[in-house]
Amino acid sequence: MPTRQKWFLLLMALLTAPTLLVGVWVFRLSGAVHELALGTFMLALVVLAAVWWSRLPREPDHIP
């Protein structure tokens, strides 16, 4: 997987973690599930992208 895609997935995972934590906190306080659902959906997209991109044929990280 190219470096740019690895950095993007890492950034999205780092963004997803606080979203999930806020979702759990809000769910515990009021029973609302929108942040929890959003965080779960974001994490599923990150995992899906990682699996999909890792199966693509390898190309050079840069073009000379």
PDB file of N, CA and C in Angstrom:
ATOM      1  N   MET A   1       0.850  -1.168   0.000  1.00  0.00           N
ATOM      2  CA  MET A   1       0.000   0.000   0.000  1.00  0.00           C
ATOM      3  C   MET A   1       0.900   1.237   0.000  1.00  0.00           C
ATOM      4  N   PRO A   2       0.605   2.215  -0.851  1.00  0.00           N
ATOM      5  CA  PRO A   2       1.432   3.420  -0.896  1.00  0.00           C
ATOM      6  C   PRO A   2       1.409   4.190   0.430  1.00  0.00           C
ATOM      7  N   THR A   3       2.455   4.926   0.656  1.00  0.00           N
ATOM      8  CA  THR A   3       2.620   5.670   1.910  1.00  0.00           C
ATOM      9  C   THR A   3       1.475   6.651   2.137  1.00  0.00           C
ATOM     10  N   ARG A   4       1.034   7.312   1.090  1.00  0.00           N
ATOM     11  CA  ARG A   4      -0.046   8.300   1.233  1.00  0.00           C
ATOM     12  C   ARG A   4      -1.321   7.637   1.745  1.00  0.00           C
ATOM     13  N   GLN A   5      -1.614   6.449   1.262  1.00  0.00           N
ATOM     14  CA  GLN A   5      -2.808   5.744   1.722  1.00  0.00           C
ATOM     15  C   GLN A   5      -2.652   5.293   3.168  1.00  0.00           C
ATOM     16  N   LYS A   6      -1.455   4.862   3.548  1.00  0.00           N
ATOM     17  CA  LYS A   6      -1.219   4.464   4.941  1.00  0.00           C
ATOM     18  C   LYS A   6      -1.428   5.647   5.880  1.00  0.00           C
ATOM     19  N   TRP A   7      -0.924   6.821   5.498  1.00  0.00           N
ATOM     20  CA  TRP A   7      -1.098   8.008   6.337  1.00  0.00           C
ATOM     21  C   TRP A   7      -2.560   8.419   6.420  1.00  0.00           C
ATOM     22  N   PHE A   8      -3.283   8.308   5.312  1.00  0.00           N
ATOM     23  CA  PHE A   8      -4.701   8.641   5.314  1.00  0.00           C
ATOM     24  C   PHE A   8      -5.471   7.714   6.250  1.00  0.00           C
ATOM     25  N   LEU A   9      -5.197   6.418   6.181  1.00  0.00           N
ATOM     26  CA  LEU A   9      -5.889   5.464   7.054  1.00  0.00           C
ATOM     27  C   LEU A   9      -5.559   5.718   8.513  1.00  0.00           C
ATOM     28  N   LEU A  10      -4.298   6.044   8.804  1.00  0.00           N
ATOM     29  CA  LEU A  10      -3.914   6.360  10.179  1.00  0.00           C
ATOM     30  C   LEU A  10      -4.647   7.602  10.675  1.00  0.00           C
ATOM     31  N   LEU A  11      -4.719   8.632   9.836  1.00  0.00           N
ATOM     32  CA  LEU A  11      -5.427   9.854  10.212  1.00  0.00           C
ATOM     33  C   LEU A  11      -6.908   9.578  10.461  1.00  0.00           C
ATOM     34  N   MET A  12      -7.526   8.788   9.590  1.00  0.00           N
ATOM     35  CA  MET A  12      -8.942   8.460   9.770  1.00  0.00           C
ATOM     36  C   MET A  12      -9.171   7.623  11.029  1.00  0.00           C
ATOM     37  N   ALA A  13      -8.248   6.705  11.328  1.00  0.00           N
ATOM     38  CA  ALA A  13      -8.372   5.912  12.552  1.00  0.00           C
ATOM     39  C   ALA A  13      -8.240   6.805  13.781  1.00  0.00           C
ATOM     40  N   LEU A  14      -7.327   7.774  13.717  1.00  0.00           N
ATOM     41  CA  LEU A  14      -7.163   8.701  14.841  1.00  0.00           C
ATOM     42  C   LEU A  14      -8.370   9.608  15.006  1.00  0.00           C
ATOM     43  N   LEU A  15      -9.042   9.935  13.921  1.00  0.00           N
ATOM     44  CA  LEU A  15     -10.261  10.733  13.988  1.00  0.00           C
ATOM     45  C   LEU A  15     -11.442   9.892  14.480  1.00  0.00           C
ATOM     46  N   THR A  16     -11.442   8.623  14.143  1.00  0.00           N
ATOM     47  CA  THR A  16     -12.529   7.735  14.532  1.00  0.00           C
ATOM     48  C   THR A  16     -12.519   7.436  16.024  1.00  0.00           C
ATOM     49  N   ALA A  17     -11.343   7.289  16.616  1.00  0.00           N
ATOM     50  CA  ALA A  17     -11.252   6.926  18.033  1.00  0.00           C
ATOM     51  C   ALA A  17     -11.989   7.919  18.938  1.00  0.00           C
ATOM     52  N   PRO A  18     -11.737   9.237  18.843  1.00  0.00           N
ATOM     53  CA  PRO A  18     -12.494  10.153  19.698  1.00  0.00           C
ATOM     54  C   PRO A  18     -13.986  10.170  19.375  1.00  0.00           C
ATOM     55  N   THR A  19     -14.341   9.970  18.119  1.00  0.00           N
ATOM     56  CA  THR A  19     -15.759   9.933  17.758  1.00  0.00           C
ATOM     57  C   THR A  19     -16.452   8.764  18.447  1.00  0.00           C
ATOM     58  N   LEU A  20     -15.798   7.607  18.468  1.00  0.00           N
ATOM     59  CA  LEU A  20     -16.373   6.459  19.168  1.00  0.00           C
ATOM     60  C   LEU A  20     -16.469   6.706  20.673  1.00  0.00           C
ATOM     61  N   LEU A  21     -15.424   7.305  21.240  1.00  0.00           N
ATOM     62  CA  LEU A  21     -15.453   7.585  22.678  1.00  0.00           C
ATOM     63  C   LEU A  21     -16.559   8.577  23.033  1.00  0.00           C
ATOM     64  N   VAL A  22     -16.715   9.616  22.235  1.00  0.00           N
ATOM     65  CA  VAL A  22     -17.805  10.577  22.467  1.00  0.00           C
ATOM     66  C   VAL A  22     -19.145   9.884  22.299  1.00  0.00           C
ATOM     67  N   GLY A  23     -19.243   9.002  21.309  1.00  0.00           N
ATOM     68  CA  GLY A  23     -20.489   8.267  21.112  1.00  0.00           C
ATOM     69  C   GLY A  23     -20.858   7.401  22.304  1.00  0.00           C
ATOM     70  N   VAL A  24     -19.866   6.725  22.868  1.00  0.00           N
ATOM     71  CA  VAL A  24     -20.120   5.901  24.060  1.00  0.00           C
ATOM     72  C   VAL A  24     -20.542   6.785  25.229  1.00  0.00           C
ATOM     73  N   TRP A  25     -19.869   7.929  25.377  1.00  0.00           N
ATOM     74  CA  TRP A  25     -20.175   8.850  26.483  1.00  0.00           C
ATOM     75  C   TRP A  25     -21.584   9.414  26.347  1.00  0.00           C
ATOM     76  N   VAL A  26     -21.937   9.888  25.147  1.00  0.00           N
ATOM     77  CA  VAL A  26     -23.265  10.448  24.925  1.00  0.00           C
ATOM     78  C   VAL A  26     -24.330   9.360  25.077  1.00  0.00           C
ATOM     79  N   PHE A  27     -24.042   8.155  24.601  1.00  0.00           N
ATOM     80  CA  PHE A  27     -24.995   7.061  24.761  1.00  0.00           C
ATOM     81  C   PHE A  27     -25.239   6.764  26.236  1.00  0.00           C
ATOM     82  N   ARG A  28     -24.160   6.803  27.027  1.00  0.00           N
ATOM     83  CA  ARG A  28     -24.303   6.539  28.469  1.00  0.00           C
ATOM     84  C   ARG A  28     -25.105   7.641  29.158  1.00  0.00           C
ATOM     85  N   LEU A  29     -24.908   8.888  28.715  1.00  0.00           N
ATOM     86  CA  LEU A  29     -25.609  10.005  29.349  1.00  0.00           C
ATOM     87  C   LEU A  29     -27.079  10.080  28.957  1.00  0.00           C
ATOM     88  N   SER A  30     -27.356   9.945  27.660  1.00  0.00           N
ATOM     89  CA  SER A  30     -28.723  10.224  27.219  1.00  0.00           C
ATOM     90  C   SER A  30     -29.362   9.123  26.391  1.00  0.00           C
ATOM     91  N   GLY A  31     -28.607   8.114  26.027  1.00  0.00           N
ATOM     92  CA  GLY A  31     -29.175   7.062  25.211  1.00  0.00           C
ATOM     93  C   GLY A  31     -29.163   7.367  23.721  1.00  0.00           C
ATOM     94  N   ALA A  32     -28.594   8.519  23.331  1.00  0.00           N
ATOM     95  CA  ALA A  32     -28.523   8.876  21.905  1.00  0.00           C
ATOM     96  C   ALA A  32     -27.427   8.054  21.241  1.00  0.00           C
ATOM     97  N   VAL A  33     -27.688   7.592  20.051  1.00  0.00           N
ATOM     98  CA  VAL A  33     -26.749   6.697  19.396  1.00  0.00           C
ATOM     99  C   VAL A  33     -26.117   7.277  18.130  1.00  0.00           C
ATOM    100  N   HIS A  34     -26.408   8.553  17.769  1.00  0.00           N
ATOM    101  CA  HIS A  34     -25.904   9.041  16.493  1.00  0.00           C
ATOM    102  C   HIS A  34     -24.387   9.110  16.431  1.00  0.00           C
ATOM    103  N   GLU A  35     -23.703   9.606  17.484  1.00  0.00           N
ATOM    104  CA  GLU A  35     -22.242   9.647  17.459  1.00  0.00           C
ATOM    105  C   GLU A  35     -21.652   8.238  17.492  1.00  0.00           C
ATOM    106  N   LEU A  36     -22.260   7.363  18.254  1.00  0.00           N
ATOM    107  CA  LEU A  36     -21.792   5.978  18.322  1.00  0.00           C
ATOM    108  C   LEU A  36     -21.946   5.297  16.964  1.00  0.00           C
ATOM    109  N   ALA A  37     -23.071   5.514  16.312  1.00  0.00           N
ATOM    110  CA  ALA A  37     -23.283   4.938  14.987  1.00  0.00           C
ATOM    111  C   ALA A  37     -22.316   5.541  13.967  1.00  0.00           C
ATOM    112  N   LEU A  38     -22.091   6.851  14.043  1.00  0.00           N
ATOM    113  CA  LEU A  38     -21.168   7.506  13.130  1.00  0.00           C
ATOM    114  C   LEU A  38     -19.751   6.968  13.316  1.00  0.00           C
ATOM    115  N   GLY A  39     -19.298   6.844  14.555  1.00  0.00           N
ATOM    116  CA  GLY A  39     -17.962   6.317  14.821  1.00  0.00           C
ATOM    117  C   GLY A  39     -17.807   4.883  14.345  1.00  0.00           C
ATOM    118  N   THR A  40     -18.831   4.082  14.555  1.00  0.00           N
ATOM    119  CA  THR A  40     -18.787   2.692  14.096  1.00  0.00           C
ATOM    120  C   THR A  40     -18.736   2.632  12.573  1.00  0.00           C
ATOM    121  N   PHE A  41     -19.519   3.473  11.914  1.00  0.00           N
ATOM    122  CA  PHE A  41     -19.519   3.523  10.450  1.00  0.00           C
ATOM    123  C   PHE A  41     -18.159   3.984   9.924  1.00  0.00           C
ATOM    124  N   MET A  42     -17.584   5.002  10.556  1.00  0.00           N
ATOM    125  CA  MET A  42     -16.266   5.490  10.140  1.00  0.00           C
ATOM    126  C   MET A  42     -15.208   4.405  10.295  1.00  0.00           C
ATOM    127  N   LEU A  43     -15.234   3.693  11.409  1.00  0.00           N
ATOM    128  CA  LEU A  43     -14.270   2.626  11.634  1.00  0.00           C
ATOM    129  C   LEU A  43     -14.449   1.507  10.605  1.00  0.00           C
ATOM    130  N   ALA A  44     -15.682   1.186  10.288  1.00  0.00           N
ATOM    131  CA  ALA A  44     -15.931   0.161   9.269  1.00  0.00           C
ATOM    132  C   ALA A  44     -15.383   0.604   7.909  1.00  0.00           C
ATOM    133  N   LEU A  45     -15.532   1.891   7.574  1.00  0.00           N
ATOM    134  CA  LEU A  45     -14.988   2.402   6.320  1.00  0.00           C
ATOM    135  C   LEU A  45     -13.464   2.346   6.293  1.00  0.00           C
ATOM    136  N   VAL A  46     -12.826   2.657   7.422  1.00  0.00           N
ATOM    137  CA  VAL A  46     -11.363   2.592   7.503  1.00  0.00           C
ATOM    138  C   VAL A  46     -10.889   1.157   7.293  1.00  0.00           C
ATOM    139  N   VAL A  47     -11.535   0.214   7.951  1.00  0.00           N
ATOM    140  CA  VAL A  47     -11.146  -1.194   7.817  1.00  0.00           C
ATOM    141  C   VAL A  47     -11.399  -1.677   6.387  1.00  0.00           C
ATOM    142  N   LEU A  48     -12.544  -1.311   5.817  1.00  0.00           N
ATOM    143  CA  LEU A  48     -12.852  -1.702   4.444  1.00  0.00           C
ATOM    144  C   LEU A  48     -11.830  -1.125   3.460  1.00  0.00           C
ATOM    145  N   ALA A  49     -11.466   0.137   3.621  1.00  0.00           N
ATOM    146  CA  ALA A  49     -10.471   0.762   2.743  1.00  0.00           C
ATOM    147  C   ALA A  49      -9.112   0.087   2.895  1.00  0.00           C
ATOM    148  N   ALA A  50      -8.729  -0.244   4.126  1.00  0.00           N
ATOM    149  CA  ALA A  50      -7.441  -0.902   4.357  1.00  0.00           C
ATOM    150  C   ALA A  50      -7.393  -2.270   3.669  1.00  0.00           C
ATOM    151  N   VAL A  51      -8.466  -3.025   3.786  1.00  0.00           N
ATOM    152  CA  VAL A  51      -8.513  -4.348   3.148  1.00  0.00           C
ATOM    153  C   VAL A  51      -8.507  -4.193   1.635  1.00  0.00           C
ATOM    154  N   TRP A  52      -9.328  -3.293   1.128  1.00  0.00           N
ATOM    155  CA  TRP A  52      -9.437  -3.096  -0.315  1.00  0.00           C
ATOM    156  C   TRP A  52      -8.112  -2.631  -0.903  1.00  0.00           C
ATOM    157  N   TRP A  53      -7.511  -1.600  -0.286  1.00  0.00           N
ATOM    158  CA  TRP A  53      -6.271  -1.041  -0.809  1.00  0.00           C
ATOM    159  C   TRP A  53      -5.105  -2.018  -0.693  1.00  0.00           C
ATOM    160  N   SER A  54      -5.111  -2.879   0.316  1.00  0.00           N
ATOM    161  CA  SER A  54      -4.009  -3.824   0.454  1.00  0.00           C
ATOM    162  C   SER A  54      -4.074  -4.923  -0.611  1.00  0.00           C
ATOM    163  N   ARG A  55      -5.229  -5.124  -1.216  1.00  0.00           N
ATOM    164  CA  ARG A  55      -5.379  -6.145  -2.258  1.00  0.00           C
ATOM    165  C   ARG A  55      -5.074  -5.610  -3.657  1.00  0.00           C
ATOM    166  N   LEU A  56      -4.980  -4.293  -3.806  1.00  0.00           N
ATOM    167  CA  LEU A  56      -4.681  -3.712  -5.112  1.00  0.00           C
ATOM    168  C   LEU A  56      -3.229  -3.986  -5.477  1.00  0.00           C
ATOM    169  N   PRO A  57      -2.936  -4.078  -6.770  1.00  0.00           N
ATOM    170  CA  PRO A  57      -1.534  -4.284  -7.167  1.00  0.00           C
ATOM    171  C   PRO A  57      -0.660  -3.117  -6.711  1.00  0.00           C
ATOM    172  N   ARG A  58       0.548  -3.446  -6.319  1.00  0.00           N
ATOM    173  CA  ARG A  58       1.487  -2.443  -5.799  1.00  0.00           C
ATOM    174  C   ARG A  58       2.005  -1.561  -6.920  1.00  0.00           C
ATOM    175  N   GLU A  59       1.969  -0.244  -6.708  1.00  0.00           N
ATOM    176  CA  GLU A  59       2.529   0.707  -7.653  1.00  0.00           C
ATOM    177  C   GLU A  59       3.599   1.520  -6.936  1.00  0.00           C
ATOM    178  N   PRO A  60       4.498   2.151  -7.675  1.00  0.00           N
ATOM    179  CA  PRO A  60       5.519   2.976  -7.042  1.00  0.00           C
ATOM    180  C   PRO A  60       4.896   4.122  -6.255  1.00  0.00           C
ATOM    181  N   ASP A  61       5.557   4.537  -5.159  1.00  0.00           N
ATOM    182  CA  ASP A  61       5.061   5.633  -4.335  1.00  0.00           C
ATOM    183  C   ASP A  61       5.153   6.974  -5.047  1.00  0.00           C
ATOM    184  N   HIS A  62       6.043   7.098  -5.974  1.00  0.00           N
ATOM    185  CA  HIS A  62       6.179   8.364  -6.692  1.00  0.00           C
ATOM    186  C   HIS A  62       6.520   8.074  -8.158  1.00  0.00           C
ATOM    187  N   ILE A  63       6.245   9.049  -8.980  1.00  0.00           N
ATOM    188  CA  ILE A  63       6.557   8.926 -10.391  1.00  0.00           C
ATOM    189  C   ILE A  63       7.759   9.822 -10.684  1.00  0.00           C
ATOM    190  N   PRO A  64       8.839   9.252 -11.219  1.00  0.00           N
ATOM    191  CA  PRO A  64      10.035  10.082 -11.465  1.00  0.00           C
ATOM    192  C   PRO A  64       9.827  11.073 -12.577  1.00  0.00           C
TER     193      PRO A  64
END
